[in-house]
Protein backbone atom coordinates (compact mmCIF):
# COMPACT_ATOMS: atom_id res chain seq x y z
CA MET A 1 38.51 11.70 1.96
CA ALA A 2 35.83 14.16 0.88
CA ALA A 3 36.21 12.98 -2.69
CA ALA A 4 35.82 9.37 -1.58
CA ALA A 5 32.67 10.23 0.33
CA ALA A 6 31.21 12.03 -2.66
CA VAL A 7 31.91 9.11 -4.95
CA GLY A 8 30.46 6.71 -2.39
CA CYS A 9 27.17 8.65 -2.14
CA VAL A 10 26.60 8.78 -5.89
CA TYR A 11 27.56 5.14 -6.26
CA SER A 12 25.21 3.99 -3.51
CA ALA A 13 22.31 5.69 -5.24
CA GLN A 14 22.99 3.65 -8.37
CA GLN A 15 24.13 0.26 -7.09
CA SER A 16 23.10 -2.20 -4.43
CA PHE A 17 26.62 -3.54 -3.83
CA VAL A 18 30.30 -2.59 -4.18
CA SER A 19 32.45 -4.91 -6.24
CA SER A 20 36.23 -5.32 -6.04
CA PRO A 21 38.34 -3.12 -8.32
CA ALA A 22 38.46 -4.16 -11.97
CA PRO A 23 39.51 -2.62 -15.27
CA ARG A 24 37.20 0.21 -16.03
CA GLY A 25 35.57 -1.23 -19.12
CA GLU A 26 35.00 -4.58 -17.42
CA ALA A 27 33.47 -2.85 -14.38
CA ILE A 28 31.01 -0.99 -16.55
CA ALA A 29 29.90 -4.15 -18.32
CA ARG A 30 29.68 -6.25 -15.17
CA THR A 31 28.08 -3.82 -12.70
CA GLN A 32 25.63 -1.91 -14.85
CA PRO A 33 22.23 -2.59 -13.18
CA ARG A 34 18.90 -3.06 -14.91
CA LEU A 35 15.64 -1.58 -13.78
CA ARG A 36 12.50 -3.66 -13.17
CA ALA A 37 10.98 -2.60 -16.47
CA GLY A 38 14.08 -3.81 -18.31
CA GLN A 39 15.75 -0.49 -19.15
CA PRO A 40 19.51 -0.28 -18.43
CA ALA A 41 20.53 2.27 -15.84
CA SER A 42 22.62 5.26 -16.89
CA GLN A 43 26.23 4.85 -18.00
CA GLU A 44 27.27 7.12 -15.14
CA ALA A 45 26.69 4.26 -12.68
CA GLY A 46 29.27 2.11 -14.41
CA MET A 47 31.68 5.03 -14.73
CA PHE A 48 31.56 5.60 -11.00
CA ALA A 49 32.03 1.89 -10.39
CA GLY A 50 35.18 1.82 -12.52
CA ALA A 51 36.47 4.99 -10.88
CA LEU A 52 36.33 3.70 -7.29
CA PRO A 53 39.70 4.06 -5.55
CA THR A 54 41.70 1.10 -4.27
CA GLY A 55 43.34 0.23 -0.95
CA GLY A 56 42.59 2.55 1.95
CA MET A 57 40.63 4.93 -0.25
CA PHE A 58 38.46 2.00 -1.37
CA GLY A 59 37.71 1.24 2.28
CA MET A 60 36.69 4.85 2.87
CA ALA A 61 34.45 4.72 -0.19
CA VAL A 62 32.74 1.59 1.17
CA ALA A 63 32.24 3.35 4.51
CA ALA A 64 30.75 6.33 2.72
CA VAL A 65 28.37 4.05 0.81
CA THR A 66 27.25 2.46 4.06
CA ALA A 67 26.71 5.85 5.70
CA CYS A 68 24.72 7.17 2.75
CA ARG A 69 22.53 4.07 2.69
CA ALA A 70 21.92 4.35 6.43
CA ALA A 71 20.84 7.95 6.02
CA GLU A 72 18.48 6.92 3.21
CA VAL A 73 16.95 4.10 5.29
CA LYS A 74 16.46 6.39 8.28
CA LYS A 75 14.55 9.02 6.31
CA LYS A 76 11.19 8.92 8.00
CA GLY A 77 8.00 8.47 6.05
CA VAL A 78 9.44 7.60 2.63
CA ARG A 79 10.98 4.68 0.80
CA VAL A 80 12.92 4.80 -2.46
CA VAL A 81 11.49 2.45 -5.08
CA GLU A 82 13.19 2.38 -8.48
CA GLY A 83 14.73 5.77 -7.81
CA LYS A 84 11.45 7.40 -6.72
CA GLU A 85 10.43 8.35 -3.20
CA ILE A 86 7.04 6.98 -2.17
CA PRO A 87 5.15 7.48 1.13
CA TRP A 88 5.99 4.70 3.55
CA ASN A 89 4.87 4.00 7.13
CA ILE A 90 4.33 7.62 8.06
CA PHE A 91 2.24 6.35 10.96
CA SER A 92 3.10 3.31 13.07
CA PRO A 93 1.05 1.03 15.37
CA LYS A 94 2.52 2.89 18.34
CA GLU A 95 1.71 6.29 16.85
CA PRO A 96 -1.28 5.85 14.49
CA TYR A 97 -3.11 8.67 12.78
CA VAL A 98 -6.56 9.32 14.21
CA GLY A 99 -8.90 9.80 11.26
CA LYS A 100 -12.65 10.28 11.00
CA VAL A 101 -15.27 8.24 9.20
CA VAL A 102 -17.00 10.44 6.62
CA PRO A 103 -19.85 9.91 4.16
CA ASN A 104 -18.77 8.55 0.79
CA VAL A 105 -19.72 10.66 -2.19
CA LYS A 106 -19.84 7.67 -4.56
CA HIS A 107 -21.37 4.72 -2.70
CA PRO A 108 -23.56 3.78 0.25
CA GLN A 109 -21.59 2.15 3.05
CA THR A 110 -23.14 -1.28 2.46
CA LEU A 111 -22.72 -2.29 -1.18
CA THR A 112 -24.41 -5.71 -1.13
CA GLU A 113 -27.84 -7.07 -0.25
CA PRO A 114 -28.65 -9.99 2.08
CA THR A 115 -28.34 -13.36 0.40
CA GLY A 116 -28.98 -15.66 3.36
CA ASP A 117 -25.25 -16.31 3.67
CA SER A 118 -23.52 -15.20 6.88
CA ASN A 119 -20.82 -13.43 4.83
CA TRP A 120 -23.18 -11.45 2.63
CA GLU A 121 -22.07 -7.93 3.51
CA THR A 122 -19.38 -5.92 1.73
CA THR A 123 -18.89 -2.29 2.68
CA HIS A 124 -17.20 0.75 1.20
CA VAL A 125 -15.96 2.96 4.02
CA THR A 126 -14.22 6.33 3.73
CA PHE A 127 -11.91 8.04 6.21
CA ASP A 128 -10.82 11.67 6.37
CA HIS A 129 -7.06 11.86 6.94
CA GLY A 130 -6.71 15.60 6.46
CA GLY A 131 -3.96 15.14 3.89
CA LYS A 132 -1.67 13.65 6.54
CA VAL A 133 -1.68 10.09 5.10
CA PRO A 134 -0.63 10.42 1.45
CA TYR A 135 -0.52 7.18 -0.51
CA LEU A 136 -0.24 5.77 -4.02
CA GLU A 137 -2.55 3.52 -5.96
CA GLY A 138 -1.70 -0.08 -5.07
CA GLN A 139 -0.65 0.62 -1.48
CA SER A 140 -2.31 -0.46 1.77
CA ILE A 141 -3.09 1.08 5.14
CA GLY A 142 -3.35 -0.61 8.51
CA ILE A 143 -6.39 -0.35 10.77
CA ILE A 144 -6.22 -0.89 14.52
CA ALA A 145 -9.39 -2.33 16.06
CA PRO A 146 -10.07 -2.01 19.80
CA GLY A 147 -9.98 -5.78 20.23
CA PRO A 148 -9.61 -8.13 21.86
CA ASP A 149 -8.48 -10.22 18.91
CA LYS A 150 -8.45 -14.02 18.87
CA LYS A 151 -5.16 -13.99 20.79
CA GLY A 152 -6.71 -11.80 23.47
CA GLU A 153 -4.67 -8.72 22.56
CA THR A 154 -6.16 -5.28 23.24
CA PRO A 155 -6.00 -3.30 21.07
CA ALA A 156 -5.91 -5.85 18.30
CA ARG A 157 -2.89 -6.12 16.06
CA ILE A 158 -3.10 -4.06 12.90
CA ARG A 159 -4.81 -5.51 9.84
CA LEU A 160 -3.67 -4.34 6.42
CA TYR A 161 -6.26 -3.46 3.79
CA SER A 162 -5.65 -2.58 0.16
CA ILE A 163 -6.75 0.96 -0.59
CA ALA A 164 -9.80 1.18 -2.87
CA SER A 165 -9.56 4.87 -3.77
CA SER A 166 -7.02 6.60 -5.97
CA ALA A 167 -4.40 8.81 -4.37
CA VAL A 168 -6.72 11.83 -4.50
CA GLY A 169 -9.54 9.94 -2.76
CA ASP A 170 -13.09 9.36 -3.97
CA ASP A 171 -13.83 13.06 -3.43
CA GLU A 172 -10.59 14.06 -5.24
CA THR A 173 -9.42 16.32 -2.40
CA SER A 174 -6.35 14.23 -1.49
CA LYS A 175 -7.71 14.20 2.07
CA THR A 176 -9.65 10.93 2.15
CA VAL A 177 -8.98 7.22 1.76
CA SER A 178 -11.53 4.45 1.11
CA LEU A 179 -11.56 0.73 1.84
CA CYS A 180 -13.69 -2.06 0.38
CA VAL A 181 -14.14 -4.60 3.17
CA LYS A 182 -16.08 -7.84 3.45
CA ARG A 183 -17.54 -8.56 6.88
CA VAL A 184 -16.14 -11.88 8.10
CA VAL A 185 -18.78 -13.98 9.89
CA ASP A 186 -18.34 -17.74 10.25
CA VAL A 187 -21.18 -19.73 11.81
CA GLU A 188 -20.54 -23.10 13.48
CA GLY A 189 -17.04 -23.20 12.04
CA GLN A 190 -13.73 -24.37 13.46
CA TYR A 191 -13.25 -21.20 15.50
CA ALA A 192 -15.66 -19.11 17.55
CA ASN A 193 -15.38 -15.91 19.56
CA ARG A 194 -19.07 -15.83 20.44
CA GLU A 195 -20.69 -18.77 22.15
CA VAL A 196 -24.37 -19.70 21.75
CA GLY A 197 -26.47 -16.78 22.92
CA GLU A 198 -23.65 -14.21 22.67
CA ASP A 199 -23.90 -13.00 19.07
CA LYS A 200 -25.62 -9.61 18.79
CA PRO A 201 -26.97 -7.86 15.67
CA ASP A 202 -24.31 -5.97 13.76
CA LYS A 203 -24.91 -2.62 12.07
CA ALA A 204 -26.58 -4.38 9.14
CA GLY A 205 -28.89 -6.25 11.52
CA THR A 206 -27.36 -9.70 11.02
CA ALA A 207 -27.12 -11.97 14.08
CA PHE A 208 -26.93 -15.67 14.90
CA PRO A 209 -27.75 -15.85 18.63
CA ASP A 210 -28.51 -19.57 18.53
CA LYS A 211 -25.13 -20.49 16.99
CA LYS A 212 -21.46 -20.40 17.79
CA VAL A 213 -20.06 -17.57 15.72
CA TYR A 214 -16.66 -16.26 14.72
CA ARG A 215 -16.60 -12.60 13.74
CA GLY A 216 -13.47 -11.13 12.19
CA VAL A 217 -12.26 -8.56 14.68
CA CYS A 218 -11.13 -5.84 12.30
CA SER A 219 -13.54 -6.45 9.41
CA ASN A 220 -16.52 -6.17 11.78
CA HIS A 221 -14.96 -3.10 13.39
CA ILE A 222 -14.76 -1.41 9.99
CA CYS A 223 -18.16 -2.56 8.73
CA ASP A 224 -19.82 -1.26 11.93
CA PHE A 225 -18.37 2.24 11.56
CA SER A 226 -20.72 5.21 11.57
CA VAL A 227 -20.01 8.70 10.24
CA GLY A 228 -18.06 10.67 12.84
CA ASP A 229 -16.34 7.66 14.42
CA ASP A 230 -12.59 7.77 15.03
CA VAL A 231 -10.36 5.33 13.17
CA LEU A 232 -6.72 4.48 13.94
CA ILE A 233 -4.68 4.34 10.73
CA THR A 234 -1.11 3.18 10.10
CA GLY A 235 1.01 3.20 6.96
CA PRO A 236 0.82 3.55 4.07
CA THR A 237 2.85 0.56 2.95
CA GLY A 238 3.37 -1.70 -0.04
CA ALA A 239 5.46 -1.38 -3.19
CA GLU A 240 4.62 -4.64 -5.00
CA MET A 241 1.49 -3.41 -6.79
CA LEU A 242 2.32 0.13 -7.87
CA LEU A 243 1.27 1.20 -11.34
CA PRO A 244 4.01 1.44 -14.00
CA GLU A 245 5.28 4.91 -14.90
CA ASP A 246 4.85 4.23 -18.63
CA GLN A 247 1.43 5.57 -19.65
CA GLY A 248 1.44 3.26 -22.65
CA SER A 249 1.70 0.09 -20.56
CA ASN A 250 -0.80 -2.74 -20.87
CA ILE A 251 -2.11 -3.68 -17.43
CA ILE A 252 -3.60 -7.09 -16.56
CA MET A 253 -5.51 -7.26 -13.26
CA LEU A 254 -6.79 -10.40 -11.52
CA ALA A 255 -9.23 -9.95 -8.63
CA THR A 256 -11.50 -12.08 -6.48
CA GLY A 257 -14.06 -10.68 -4.06
CA THR A 258 -12.84 -7.62 -2.16
CA GLY A 259 -9.48 -8.19 -3.85
CA ILE A 260 -11.01 -5.74 -6.31
CA ALA A 261 -9.98 -2.87 -4.00
CA PRO A 262 -6.58 -1.99 -5.53
CA MET A 263 -7.96 -2.49 -9.04
CA ARG A 264 -10.69 0.05 -8.28
CA SER A 265 -7.93 2.41 -7.18
CA TYR A 266 -6.15 1.96 -10.52
CA MET A 267 -9.32 2.32 -12.58
CA ARG A 268 -10.35 5.56 -10.95
CA LEU A 269 -6.96 7.12 -11.67
CA LEU A 270 -6.68 5.79 -15.20
CA PHE A 271 -10.23 6.47 -16.39
CA ASN A 272 -12.10 8.76 -13.99
CA ASP A 273 -10.21 11.19 -11.78
CA LYS A 274 -8.95 14.58 -12.95
CA ALA A 275 -5.50 13.57 -11.72
CA GLY A 276 -5.37 11.09 -14.61
CA ALA A 277 -6.36 13.62 -17.27
CA ASN A 278 -4.40 16.02 -19.44
CA ALA A 279 -5.20 19.73 -19.60
CA ASP A 280 -7.35 19.17 -22.71
CA GLY A 281 -9.42 16.50 -20.98
CA THR A 282 -7.87 13.49 -22.69
CA ARG A 283 -6.62 10.67 -20.51
CA LYS A 284 -2.92 10.37 -19.73
CA PHE A 285 -3.15 6.58 -19.85
CA LYS A 286 -2.82 5.32 -23.42
CA GLY A 287 -2.43 1.59 -22.85
CA LEU A 288 -4.91 -1.23 -22.35
CA ALA A 289 -6.32 -2.30 -18.96
CA TRP A 290 -7.68 -5.85 -18.61
CA LEU A 291 -9.60 -6.72 -15.44
CA PHE A 292 -10.56 -10.32 -14.65
CA MET A 293 -12.98 -10.42 -11.74
CA GLY A 294 -14.25 -13.54 -9.98
CA VAL A 295 -16.62 -13.96 -7.05
CA PRO A 296 -16.99 -17.39 -5.39
CA PHE A 297 -20.70 -16.96 -4.65
């Protein structure tokens, strides 16, 4: 039974399913998985697949696989992606991390200048997380605004924002995280959460008191932050946009508007931060990075 459990644990780490018994060579050929980048997994995975016991022992092996997977899923704060543990939902909406807004060492909070459009403002806001919210380039964090949101919920439901800083943060201390957020303001549109006479100047001084206005609950919450304010953070989350491990990869990035945030995170790691450099000062990244950026206005 112990042997079956041991086999089950190793097998579950290599495979996502258990197939019925088959001749060993056939099992190796049929069950050998392939990684996302196209490399075949190790031969050991197939060997374990072919070595699975039959009958009652097979049932125990399946049970062991299930138990091992359950233990892996229940491991708090991490998720295994392509065999590597990454930070994952360390903080939840029910138990968010309380961070602090801090000055950014690279940018002013408001990046853009008034254009006459209601949506003119884009901000770069930095939070101190004290090293308690580790993340990877390409992940997101959730922000909880006080609300009420358009459904009347207080606090508002979390909004996810792509992280704009590399994993070490703009100050390279691994204790901060930055967001690039566009303030959502829609005047005389289909929806409104401020009737005529109710809209007040935001932190940038923009107001439309003579119009019906819809202001994005969380984007305005973030854009109105001042240094020293508390911020409720959840996450991190997201595994779809992580950088490849291969430092010789060619990376193609497509961004529109504040969709530039994760690309900024990549660029800082690849070309700026000490974390992306070798001991002699050369960059670890040896591939090509193509960024296509578009802004609608």
